Protein backbone atom coordinates (compact mmCIF):
# COMPACT_ATOMS: atom_id res chain seq x y z
CA MET A 1 342.72 92.43 197.29
CA PRO A 2 339.64 94.64 197.75
CA TYR A 3 336.59 93.59 199.72
CA ARG A 4 333.76 93.21 197.19
CA VAL A 5 330.07 93.69 197.90
CA CYS A 6 327.17 93.37 195.44
CA PHE A 7 323.64 94.65 196.10
CA VAL A 8 320.84 92.63 194.49
CA CYS A 9 317.15 93.33 193.89
CA THR A 10 314.74 92.04 191.25
CA GLY A 11 315.48 93.96 188.06
CA ASN A 12 318.49 96.09 189.10
CA ILE A 13 316.76 99.37 188.24
CA CYS A 14 315.40 100.62 191.59
CA ARG A 15 316.58 99.33 194.96
CA SER A 16 319.96 97.77 194.20
CA PRO A 17 321.30 100.66 192.09
CA MET A 18 320.15 102.98 194.87
CA ALA A 19 322.04 100.89 197.45
CA GLU A 20 325.10 100.71 195.18
CA SER A 21 325.20 104.48 194.72
CA VAL A 22 324.69 105.28 198.41
CA PHE A 23 327.19 102.70 199.60
CA ARG A 24 329.83 103.68 197.04
CA ALA A 25 329.50 107.29 198.23
CA ARG A 26 329.91 106.17 201.86
CA VAL A 27 332.99 104.15 200.94
CA GLY A 28 334.48 107.16 199.18
CA LYS A 29 333.67 109.52 202.04
CA ALA A 30 335.36 107.10 204.45
CA GLY A 31 338.49 107.15 202.27
CA LEU A 32 338.19 103.45 201.46
CA ASP A 33 338.20 103.61 197.65
CA GLY A 34 340.34 100.75 196.42
CA LEU A 35 339.81 98.76 199.62
CA ILE A 36 336.08 98.19 199.09
CA GLU A 37 334.48 97.68 195.67
CA VAL A 38 330.73 98.04 195.17
CA ASP A 39 328.38 96.91 192.41
CA SER A 40 324.80 95.73 191.93
CA ALA A 41 322.70 93.32 189.91
CA GLY A 42 319.21 91.84 189.62
CA THR A 43 317.91 88.35 190.21
CA GLY A 44 316.33 88.51 186.77
CA GLY A 45 317.48 89.81 183.43
CA TRP A 46 314.38 91.74 182.37
CA HIS A 47 316.13 95.11 182.39
CA GLU A 48 319.69 94.13 181.42
CA GLY A 49 321.35 97.02 179.63
CA ASP A 50 318.75 99.57 180.79
CA GLY A 51 319.49 102.56 182.97
CA ALA A 52 318.04 102.94 186.45
CA ASP A 53 314.38 103.86 186.78
CA PRO A 54 314.09 107.65 186.26
CA ARG A 55 312.49 107.98 189.72
CA THR A 56 315.51 106.25 191.27
CA VAL A 57 317.82 108.63 189.44
CA ALA A 58 315.77 111.66 190.51
CA VAL A 59 315.76 110.66 194.19
CA LEU A 60 319.48 109.86 194.17
CA GLU A 61 320.50 113.04 192.41
CA ALA A 62 318.28 115.16 194.67
CA GLU A 63 320.35 113.91 197.59
CA GLY A 64 323.69 114.38 195.85
CA TYR A 65 324.32 110.78 194.78
CA PRO A 66 325.23 109.83 191.21
CA GLY A 67 322.40 108.27 189.23
CA ASP A 68 324.30 106.70 186.33
CA HIS A 69 323.74 102.95 186.13
CA THR A 70 323.35 100.03 183.72
CA ALA A 71 321.26 97.07 184.84
CA ARG A 72 322.60 93.52 184.74
CA ARG A 73 321.72 90.09 186.09
CA PHE A 74 323.58 88.37 188.93
CA ARG A 75 325.29 85.16 187.83
CA ALA A 76 326.18 82.19 190.05
CA SER A 77 329.81 82.49 188.96
CA TRP A 78 329.96 85.94 190.56
CA PHE A 79 329.86 84.49 194.08
CA ALA A 80 333.54 83.58 193.79
CA GLY A 81 334.46 87.24 193.33
CA ARG A 82 332.24 88.71 196.07
CA ASN A 83 332.76 88.77 199.82
CA LEU A 84 329.15 89.79 200.48
CA VAL A 85 326.00 89.66 198.39
CA ILE A 86 323.39 91.97 199.87
CA ALA A 87 319.75 91.16 199.13
CA LEU A 88 317.20 93.94 199.31
CA ASP A 89 314.33 91.68 200.39
CA SER A 90 313.68 88.15 201.59
CA GLY A 91 312.64 86.96 198.10
CA HIS A 92 316.03 87.99 196.76
CA LEU A 93 317.71 86.35 199.74
CA ARG A 94 316.03 83.02 198.95
CA ALA A 95 316.72 83.28 195.20
CA LEU A 96 320.39 84.09 195.75
CA ARG A 97 320.90 81.31 198.28
CA ARG A 98 319.34 78.82 195.82
CA LEU A 99 321.67 80.13 193.09
CA ALA A 100 324.77 79.82 195.27
CA PRO A 101 327.08 77.02 194.07
CA THR A 102 328.30 76.14 197.59
CA PRO A 103 327.12 76.50 201.20
CA GLY A 104 329.96 79.01 201.71
CA ASP A 105 328.61 81.11 198.86
CA ALA A 106 325.08 80.93 200.30
CA ALA A 107 326.46 82.22 203.61
CA LYS A 108 327.68 85.37 201.83
CA VAL A 109 324.07 86.44 201.20
CA ARG A 110 322.60 88.85 203.76
CA LEU A 111 319.65 91.21 203.95
CA LEU A 112 320.56 94.90 203.79
CA ARG A 113 318.26 95.98 206.60
CA SER A 114 319.83 93.42 208.94
CA TYR A 115 322.54 96.08 209.33
CA ASP A 116 320.02 98.66 210.62
CA PRO A 117 319.28 98.21 214.34
CA ALA A 118 316.17 100.39 213.97
CA ALA A 119 314.67 98.08 211.31
CA GLY A 120 313.01 95.76 213.80
CA LEU A 121 311.69 92.49 212.43
CA ASP A 122 310.75 93.73 208.94
CA LEU A 123 314.03 93.49 207.06
CA ASP A 124 312.65 93.92 203.54
CA VAL A 125 313.16 97.11 201.56
CA PRO A 126 309.78 97.40 199.79
CA ASP A 127 309.83 97.55 196.00
CA PRO A 128 308.97 101.13 194.98
CA TYR A 129 308.57 100.29 191.27
CA TYR A 130 304.75 100.24 191.23
CA GLY A 131 304.47 103.07 193.74
CA HIS A 132 304.93 106.81 193.82
CA MET A 133 307.90 109.12 194.38
CA ASP A 134 307.34 108.92 198.13
CA ASP A 135 308.05 105.19 197.92
CA PHE A 136 311.41 105.89 196.27
CA VAL A 137 312.24 108.45 198.95
CA GLU A 138 311.34 105.92 201.66
CA CYS A 139 313.50 103.32 199.91
CA LEU A 140 316.46 105.71 199.92
CA GLU A 141 315.98 106.41 203.62
CA MET A 142 316.02 102.67 204.40
CA VAL A 143 319.13 102.17 202.28
CA GLU A 144 320.93 105.06 203.96
CA SER A 145 320.02 103.82 207.45
CA ALA A 146 321.34 100.33 206.80
CA SER A 147 324.46 101.49 204.96
CA SER A 148 326.10 102.84 208.12
CA GLY A 149 325.96 99.47 209.88
CA LEU A 150 327.07 97.61 206.77
CA LEU A 151 330.05 99.91 206.31
CA ALA A 152 331.02 99.53 209.98
CA GLU A 153 330.99 95.72 209.66
CA ILE A 154 332.99 95.72 206.44
CA CYS A 155 335.51 98.18 207.91
CA GLU A 156 336.11 95.78 210.80
CA HIS A 157 336.80 93.01 208.30
CA VAL A 158 339.04 95.19 206.13
CA LYS A 159 340.99 96.35 209.20
CA GLY A 160 341.35 92.71 210.28
CA GLN A 161 342.77 91.80 206.88
CA ALA A 162 345.29 94.64 207.05
CA ALA A 163 346.49 93.70 210.52
């Protein structure tokens, strides 16, 4: 059974699709397709059915990541099918933990930047939505930095399951 991780931000059009795309590419590059499944969602349903923000798509595609995406809302029932739920900021962390049906489900929720040793104490990925292209570029850099540590941790778990 694959290890499943879901990235969650507010509307699922900026940060979480960016994290999904980057992490899926890392999983593929590591040869772990089929062992690790990646998706994303939003805490709210404002953009359900919409594509990613065009600035997100532009920044992703400029760095060689796919930009295709359809926004959706995270549902409490999804906890059962996810090993990790990765929040992009502390507001998402709190919202997801409140949504979690059980304490075990709440424990699955982590902040993305907690996997980046260089992040320091500020573990939020700032929302670029009301900003400029530079904010989207900065968001991508934060996502990429944290993705290495997240992949390393998941690989340890996946290897432990296979042993």
